[in-house]
């Protein structure tokens, strides 16, 4: 069974006292998901795989006399 996540208001209604423990906190889950998304975005940007990044560089491919394809700027 998956753990139920609580806001502080839900916790107060259900338990009636104290602060929501971290492992049951909905806000903590949302923060962790947002942090993970930012990390993924940064990793992909560093790898050059992000579609938002455009270097403005145009690459063409040419074959040499042996039929080997080479990239040129």
PDB file of N, CA and C in Angstrom:
ATOM      1  N   UNK A   1       0.835  -1.181   0.000  1.00  0.00           N
ATOM      2  CA  UNK A   1       0.000   0.000   0.000  1.00  0.00           C
ATOM      3  C   UNK A   1       0.887   1.255   0.000  1.00  0.00           C
ATOM      4  N   UNK A   2       0.527   2.217  -0.785  1.00  0.00           N
ATOM      5  CA  UNK A   2       1.284   3.451  -0.884  1.00  0.00           C
ATOM      6  C   UNK A   2       0.962   4.342   0.318  1.00  0.00           C
ATOM      7  N   UNK A   3       1.993   5.036   0.818  1.00  0.00           N
ATOM      8  CA  UNK A   3       1.789   5.939   1.943  1.00  0.00           C
ATOM      9  C   UNK A   3       0.891   7.093   1.536  1.00  0.00           C
ATOM     10  N   UNK A   4      -0.015   7.465   2.398  1.00  0.00           N
ATOM     11  CA  UNK A   4      -0.846   8.632   2.152  1.00  0.00           C
ATOM     12  C   UNK A   4      -0.035   9.865   2.510  1.00  0.00           C
ATOM     13  N   UNK A   5      -0.133  10.865   1.645  1.00  0.00           N
ATOM     14  CA  UNK A   5       0.573  12.114   1.895  1.00  0.00           C
ATOM     15  C   UNK A   5      -0.410  13.134   2.455  1.00  0.00           C
ATOM     16  N   UNK A   6       0.070  13.951   3.380  1.00  0.00           N
ATOM     17  CA  UNK A   6      -0.793  14.894   4.085  1.00  0.00           C
ATOM     18  C   UNK A   6      -0.281  16.328   3.945  1.00  0.00           C
ATOM     19  N   UNK A   7      -1.206  17.251   3.832  1.00  0.00           N
ATOM     20  CA  UNK A   7      -0.865  18.653   4.058  1.00  0.00           C
ATOM     21  C   UNK A   7      -0.957  18.851   5.564  1.00  0.00           C
ATOM     22  N   UNK A   8      -0.474  19.980   6.071  1.00  0.00           N
ATOM     23  CA  UNK A   8      -0.561  20.216   7.509  1.00  0.00           C
ATOM     24  C   UNK A   8      -2.018  20.240   7.965  1.00  0.00           C
ATOM     25  N   UNK A   9      -2.875  20.809   7.138  1.00  0.00           N
ATOM     26  CA  UNK A   9      -4.299  20.886   7.492  1.00  0.00           C
ATOM     27  C   UNK A   9      -4.918  19.488   7.574  1.00  0.00           C
ATOM     28  N   UNK A  10      -4.603  18.626   6.587  1.00  0.00           N
ATOM     29  CA  UNK A  10      -5.104  17.245   6.617  1.00  0.00           C
ATOM     30  C   UNK A  10      -4.575  16.493   7.839  1.00  0.00           C
ATOM     31  N   UNK A  11      -3.301  16.706   8.150  1.00  0.00           N
ATOM     32  CA  UNK A  11      -2.689  16.046   9.302  1.00  0.00           C
ATOM     33  C   UNK A  11      -3.405  16.476  10.591  1.00  0.00           C
ATOM     34  N   UNK A  12      -3.679  17.766  10.706  1.00  0.00           N
ATOM     35  CA  UNK A  12      -4.365  18.269  11.904  1.00  0.00           C
ATOM     36  C   UNK A  12      -5.749  17.639  12.044  1.00  0.00           C
ATOM     37  N   UNK A  13      -6.443  17.475  10.922  1.00  0.00           N
ATOM     38  CA  UNK A  13      -7.779  16.854  10.972  1.00  0.00           C
ATOM     39  C   UNK A  13      -7.697  15.371  11.318  1.00  0.00           C
ATOM     40  N   UNK A  14      -6.698  14.684  10.775  1.00  0.00           N
ATOM     41  CA  UNK A  14      -6.593  13.237  10.951  1.00  0.00           C
ATOM     42  C   UNK A  14      -5.971  12.863  12.293  1.00  0.00           C
ATOM     43  N   UNK A  15      -4.831  13.449  12.607  1.00  0.00           N
ATOM     44  CA  UNK A  15      -4.086  13.084  13.814  1.00  0.00           C
ATOM     45  C   UNK A  15      -4.449  14.003  14.970  1.00  0.00           C
ATOM     46  N   UNK A  16      -4.589  15.281  14.661  1.00  0.00           N
ATOM     47  CA  UNK A  16      -5.030  16.221  15.678  1.00  0.00           C
ATOM     48  C   UNK A  16      -3.932  16.954  16.418  1.00  0.00           C
ATOM     49  N   UNK A  17      -2.655  16.587  16.191  1.00  0.00           N
ATOM     50  CA  UNK A  17      -1.590  17.295  16.887  1.00  0.00           C
ATOM     51  C   UNK A  17      -0.275  17.132  16.144  1.00  0.00           C
ATOM     52  N   UNK A  18       0.630  18.053  16.396  1.00  0.00           N
ATOM     53  CA  UNK A  18       1.979  17.959  15.866  1.00  0.00           C
ATOM     54  C   UNK A  18       2.123  18.362  14.417  1.00  0.00           C
ATOM     55  N   UNK A  19       3.359  18.270  13.977  1.00  0.00           N
ATOM     56  CA  UNK A  19       3.724  18.617  12.609  1.00  0.00           C
ATOM     57  C   UNK A  19       3.736  17.341  11.768  1.00  0.00           C
ATOM     58  N   UNK A  20       3.439  17.473  10.472  1.00  0.00           N
ATOM     59  CA  UNK A  20       3.449  16.323   9.580  1.00  0.00           C
ATOM     60  C   UNK A  20       4.876  15.777   9.489  1.00  0.00           C
ATOM     61  N   UNK A  21       5.085  14.490   9.772  1.00  0.00           N
ATOM     62  CA  UNK A  21       6.420  13.906   9.595  1.00  0.00           C
ATOM     63  C   UNK A  21       6.852  14.003   8.129  1.00  0.00           C
ATOM     64  N   UNK A  22       8.128  14.173   7.906  1.00  0.00           N
ATOM     65  CA  UNK A  22       8.654  14.386   6.562  1.00  0.00           C
ATOM     66  C   UNK A  22       8.195  13.304   5.579  1.00  0.00           C
ATOM     67  N   UNK A  23       8.220  12.056   5.994  1.00  0.00           N
ATOM     68  CA  UNK A  23       7.883  10.976   5.068  1.00  0.00           C
ATOM     69  C   UNK A  23       6.402  10.964   4.671  1.00  0.00           C
ATOM     70  N   UNK A  24       5.550  11.684   5.389  1.00  0.00           N
ATOM     71  CA  UNK A  24       4.130  11.774   5.036  1.00  0.00           C
ATOM     72  C   UNK A  24       3.751  13.140   4.461  1.00  0.00           C
ATOM     73  N   UNK A  25       4.715  14.021   4.302  1.00  0.00           N
ATOM     74  CA  UNK A  25       4.440  15.402   3.911  1.00  0.00           C
ATOM     75  C   UNK A  25       4.255  15.545   2.396  1.00  0.00           C
ATOM     76  N   UNK A  26       3.106  16.028   1.993  1.00  0.00           N
ATOM     77  CA  UNK A  26       2.828  16.296   0.584  1.00  0.00           C
ATOM     78  C   UNK A  26       3.709  17.419   0.074  1.00  0.00           C
ATOM     79  N   UNK A  27       3.908  18.462   0.870  1.00  0.00           N
ATOM     80  CA  UNK A  27       4.760  19.575   0.457  1.00  0.00           C
ATOM     81  C   UNK A  27       6.198  19.110   0.204  1.00  0.00           C
ATOM     82  N   UNK A  28       6.700  18.211   1.057  1.00  0.00           N
ATOM     83  CA  UNK A  28       8.056  17.687   0.875  1.00  0.00           C
ATOM     84  C   UNK A  28       8.149  16.903  -0.427  1.00  0.00           C
ATOM     85  N   UNK A  29       7.133  16.128  -0.734  1.00  0.00           N
ATOM     86  CA  UNK A  29       7.121  15.354  -1.988  1.00  0.00           C
ATOM     87  C   UNK A  29       7.140  16.283  -3.191  1.00  0.00           C
ATOM     88  N   UNK A  30       6.341  17.341  -3.149  1.00  0.00           N
ATOM     89  CA  UNK A  30       6.296  18.302  -4.247  1.00  0.00           C
ATOM     90  C   UNK A  30       7.652  18.984  -4.409  1.00  0.00           C
ATOM     91  N   UNK A  31       8.265  19.391  -3.282  1.00  0.00           N
ATOM     92  CA  UNK A  31       9.590  20.023  -3.350  1.00  0.00           C
ATOM     93  C   UNK A  31      10.629  19.077  -3.934  1.00  0.00           C
ATOM     94  N   UNK A  32      10.600  17.806  -3.522  1.00  0.00           N
ATOM     95  CA  UNK A  32      11.556  16.831  -4.040  1.00  0.00           C
ATOM     96  C   UNK A  32      11.357  16.596  -5.532  1.00  0.00           C
ATOM     97  N   UNK A  33      10.103  16.530  -5.982  1.00  0.00           N
ATOM     98  CA  UNK A  33       9.825  16.343  -7.407  1.00  0.00           C
ATOM     99  C   UNK A  33      10.308  17.537  -8.226  1.00  0.00           C
ATOM    100  N   UNK A  34      10.092  18.747  -7.714  1.00  0.00           N
ATOM    101  CA  UNK A  34      10.544  19.949  -8.420  1.00  0.00           C
ATOM    102  C   UNK A  34      12.068  19.991  -8.477  1.00  0.00           C
ATOM    103  N   UNK A  35      12.722  19.609  -7.387  1.00  0.00           N
ATOM    104  CA  UNK A  35      14.187  19.586  -7.346  1.00  0.00           C
ATOM    105  C   UNK A  35      14.728  18.568  -8.339  1.00  0.00           C
ATOM    106  N   UNK A  36      14.117  17.396  -8.381  1.00  0.00           N
ATOM    107  CA  UNK A  36      14.548  16.364  -9.326  1.00  0.00           C
ATOM    108  C   UNK A  36      14.381  16.833 -10.770  1.00  0.00           C
ATOM    109  N   UNK A  37      13.308  17.536 -11.066  1.00  0.00           N
ATOM    110  CA  UNK A  37      13.074  18.058 -12.409  1.00  0.00           C
ATOM    111  C   UNK A  37      14.140  19.087 -12.782  1.00  0.00           C
ATOM    112  N   UNK A  38      14.488  19.975 -11.845  1.00  0.00           N
ATOM    113  CA  UNK A  38      15.542  20.971 -12.118  1.00  0.00           C
ATOM    114  C   UNK A  38      16.882  20.285 -12.368  1.00  0.00           C
ATOM    115  N   UNK A  39      17.164  19.230 -11.612  1.00  0.00           N
ATOM    116  CA  UNK A  39      18.411  18.488 -11.800  1.00  0.00           C
ATOM    117  C   UNK A  39      18.429  17.850 -13.183  1.00  0.00           C
ATOM    118  N   UNK A  40      17.320  17.207 -13.570  1.00  0.00           N
ATOM    119  CA  UNK A  40      17.243  16.597 -14.902  1.00  0.00           C
ATOM    120  C   UNK A  40      17.442  17.633 -15.997  1.00  0.00           C
ATOM    121  N   UNK A  41      16.812  18.799 -15.857  1.00  0.00           N
ATOM    122  CA  UNK A  41      16.954  19.858 -16.858  1.00  0.00           C
ATOM    123  C   UNK A  41      18.406  20.306 -16.966  1.00  0.00           C
ATOM    124  N   UNK A  42      19.080  20.462 -15.834  1.00  0.00           N
ATOM    125  CA  UNK A  42      20.481  20.889 -15.844  1.00  0.00           C
ATOM    126  C   UNK A  42      21.387  19.830 -16.454  1.00  0.00           C
ATOM    127  N   UNK A  43      21.141  18.573 -16.164  1.00  0.00           N
ATOM    128  CA  UNK A  43      21.965  17.496 -16.714  1.00  0.00           C
ATOM    129  C   UNK A  43      21.811  17.458 -18.221  1.00  0.00           C
ATOM    130  N   UNK A  44      20.579  17.529 -18.721  1.00  0.00           N
ATOM    131  CA  UNK A  44      20.363  17.484 -20.168  1.00  0.00           C
ATOM    132  C   UNK A  44      20.929  18.719 -20.841  1.00  0.00           C
ATOM    133  N   UNK A  45      20.862  19.865 -20.197  1.00  0.00           N
ATOM    134  CA  UNK A  45      21.423  21.087 -20.774  1.00  0.00           C
ATOM    135  C   UNK A  45      22.938  20.961 -20.875  1.00  0.00           C
ATOM    136  N   UNK A  46      23.568  20.377 -19.862  1.00  0.00           N
ATOM    137  CA  UNK A  46      25.018  20.183 -19.885  1.00  0.00           C
ATOM    138  C   UNK A  46      25.432  19.203 -20.980  1.00  0.00           C
ATOM    139  N   UNK A  47      24.568  18.241 -21.282  1.00  0.00           N
ATOM    140  CA  UNK A  47      24.866  17.248 -22.307  1.00  0.00           C
ATOM    141  C   UNK A  47      24.504  17.760 -23.702  1.00  0.00           C
ATOM    142  N   UNK A  48      23.882  18.914 -23.786  1.00  0.00           N
ATOM    143  CA  UNK A  48      23.513  19.471 -25.081  1.00  0.00           C
ATOM    144  C   UNK A  48      22.290  18.827 -25.678  1.00  0.00           C
ATOM    145  N   UNK A  49      21.472  18.151 -24.875  1.00  0.00           N
ATOM    146  CA  UNK A  49      20.303  17.463 -25.385  1.00  0.00           C
ATOM    147  C   UNK A  49      19.011  18.241 -25.201  1.00  0.00           C
ATOM    148  N   UNK A  50      19.100  19.414 -24.630  1.00  0.00           N
ATOM    149  CA  UNK A  50      17.899  20.198 -24.391  1.00  0.00           C
ATOM    150  C   UNK A  50      17.473  20.904 -25.671  1.00  0.00           C
ATOM    151  N   UNK A  51      16.225  20.787 -26.072  1.00  0.00           N
ATOM    152  CA  UNK A  51      15.787  21.446 -27.293  1.00  0.00           C
ATOM    153  C   UNK A  51      15.745  22.967 -27.180  1.00  0.00           C
ATOM    154  N   UNK A  52      15.782  23.526 -25.969  1.00  0.00           N
ATOM    155  CA  UNK A  52      15.735  24.971 -25.798  1.00  0.00           C
ATOM    156  C   UNK A  52      17.078  25.618 -26.143  1.00  0.00           C
ATOM    157  N   UNK A  53      18.139  24.856 -26.115  1.00  0.00           N
ATOM    158  CA  UNK A  53      19.464  25.421 -26.345  1.00  0.00           C
ATOM    159  C   UNK A  53      19.761  25.382 -27.840  1.00  0.00           C
ATOM    160  N   UNK A  54      20.111  26.527 -28.406  1.00  0.00           N
ATOM    161  CA  UNK A  54      20.455  26.625 -29.818  1.00  0.00           C
ATOM    162  C   UNK A  54      21.773  27.384 -29.919  1.00  0.00           C
ATOM    163  N   UNK A  55      22.808  26.706 -30.354  1.00  0.00           N
ATOM    164  CA  UNK A  55      24.116  27.350 -30.443  1.00  0.00           C
ATOM    165  C   UNK A  55      24.223  28.263 -31.648  1.00  0.00           C
ATOM    166  N   UNK A  56      23.302  28.148 -32.608  1.00  0.00           N
ATOM    167  CA  UNK A  56      23.352  28.954 -33.815  1.00  0.00           C
ATOM    168  C   UNK A  56      24.339  28.412 -34.831  1.00  0.00           C
ATOM    169  N   UNK A  57      24.927  27.285 -34.536  1.00  0.00           N
ATOM    170  CA  UNK A  57      25.924  26.684 -35.416  1.00  0.00           C
ATOM    171  C   UNK A  57      25.228  25.833 -36.466  1.00  0.00           C
ATOM    172  N   UNK A  58      25.659  25.959 -37.715  1.00  0.00           N
ATOM    173  CA  UNK A  58      25.114  25.153 -38.797  1.00  0.00           C
ATOM    174  C   UNK A  58      26.147  24.102 -39.176  1.00  0.00           C
ATOM    175  N   UNK A  59      25.712  22.861 -39.206  1.00  0.00           N
ATOM    176  CA  UNK A  59      26.626  21.779 -39.533  1.00  0.00           C
ATOM    177  C   UNK A  59      26.190  21.151 -40.848  1.00  0.00           C
ATOM    178  N   UNK A  60      27.145  20.914 -41.734  1.00  0.00           N
ATOM    179  CA  UNK A  60      26.861  20.211 -42.980  1.00  0.00           C
ATOM    180  C   UNK A  60      27.717  18.966 -43.026  1.00  0.00           C
ATOM    181  N   UNK A  61      27.292  17.989 -43.761  1.00  0.00           N
ATOM    182  CA  UNK A  61      28.038  16.740 -43.871  1.00  0.00           C
ATOM    183  C   UNK A  61      28.541  16.598 -45.299  1.00  0.00           C
ATOM    184  N   UNK A  62      29.793  16.211 -45.417  1.00  0.00           N
ATOM    185  CA  UNK A  62      30.386  15.994 -46.730  1.00  0.00           C
ATOM    186  C   UNK A  62      31.116  14.661 -46.714  1.00  0.00           C
ATOM    187  N   UNK A  63      31.128  14.001 -47.853  1.00  0.00           N
ATOM    188  CA  UNK A  63      31.867  12.749 -47.965  1.00  0.00           C
ATOM    189  C   UNK A  63      33.188  13.002 -48.653  1.00  0.00           C
ATOM    190  N   UNK A  64      34.226  12.359 -48.152  1.00  0.00           N
ATOM    191  CA  UNK A  64      35.523  12.505 -48.819  1.00  0.00           C
ATOM    192  C   UNK A  64      35.596  11.491 -49.976  1.00  0.00           C
ATOM    193  N   UNK A  65      36.725  11.390 -50.607  1.00  0.00           N
ATOM    194  CA  UNK A  65      36.869  10.520 -51.783  1.00  0.00           C
ATOM    195  C   UNK A  65      36.667   9.050 -51.457  1.00  0.00           C
ATOM    196  N   UNK A  66      36.833   8.662 -50.187  1.00  0.00           N
ATOM    197  CA  UNK A  66      36.649   7.273 -49.789  1.00  0.00           C
ATOM    198  C   UNK A  66      35.223   6.994 -49.338  1.00  0.00           C
ATOM    199  N   UNK A  67      34.349   7.997 -49.394  1.00  0.00           N
ATOM    200  CA  UNK A  67      32.956   7.817 -48.996  1.00  0.00           C
ATOM    201  C   UNK A  67      32.710   7.969 -47.512  1.00  0.00           C
ATOM    202  N   UNK A  68      33.702   8.464 -46.778  1.00  0.00           N
ATOM    203  CA  UNK A  68      33.560   8.654 -45.337  1.00  0.00           C
ATOM    204  C   UNK A  68      32.925  10.021 -45.110  1.00  0.00           C
ATOM    205  N   UNK A  69      31.868  10.041 -44.340  1.00  0.00           N
ATOM    206  CA  UNK A  69      31.149  11.289 -44.062  1.00  0.00           C
ATOM    207  C   UNK A  69      31.861  12.061 -42.958  1.00  0.00           C
ATOM    208  N   UNK A  70      32.061  13.367 -43.195  1.00  0.00           N
ATOM    209  CA  UNK A  70      32.720  14.228 -42.215  1.00  0.00           C
ATOM    210  C   UNK A  70      31.865  15.457 -41.971  1.00  0.00           C
ATOM    211  N   UNK A  71      31.876  15.935 -40.743  1.00  0.00           N
ATOM    212  CA  UNK A  71      31.122  17.145 -40.403  1.00  0.00           C
ATOM    213  C   UNK A  71      32.010  18.359 -40.638  1.00  0.00           C
ATOM    214  N   UNK A  72      31.420  19.405 -41.202  1.00  0.00           N
ATOM    215  CA  UNK A  72      32.142  20.671 -41.386  1.00  0.00           C
ATOM    216  C   UNK A  72      31.300  21.792 -40.834  1.00  0.00           C
ATOM    217  N   UNK A  73      31.956  22.854 -40.426  1.00  0.00           N
ATOM    218  CA  UNK A  73      31.244  24.025 -39.912  1.00  0.00           C
ATOM    219  C   UNK A  73      30.981  25.011 -41.023  1.00  0.00           C
TER     220      UNK A  73
END
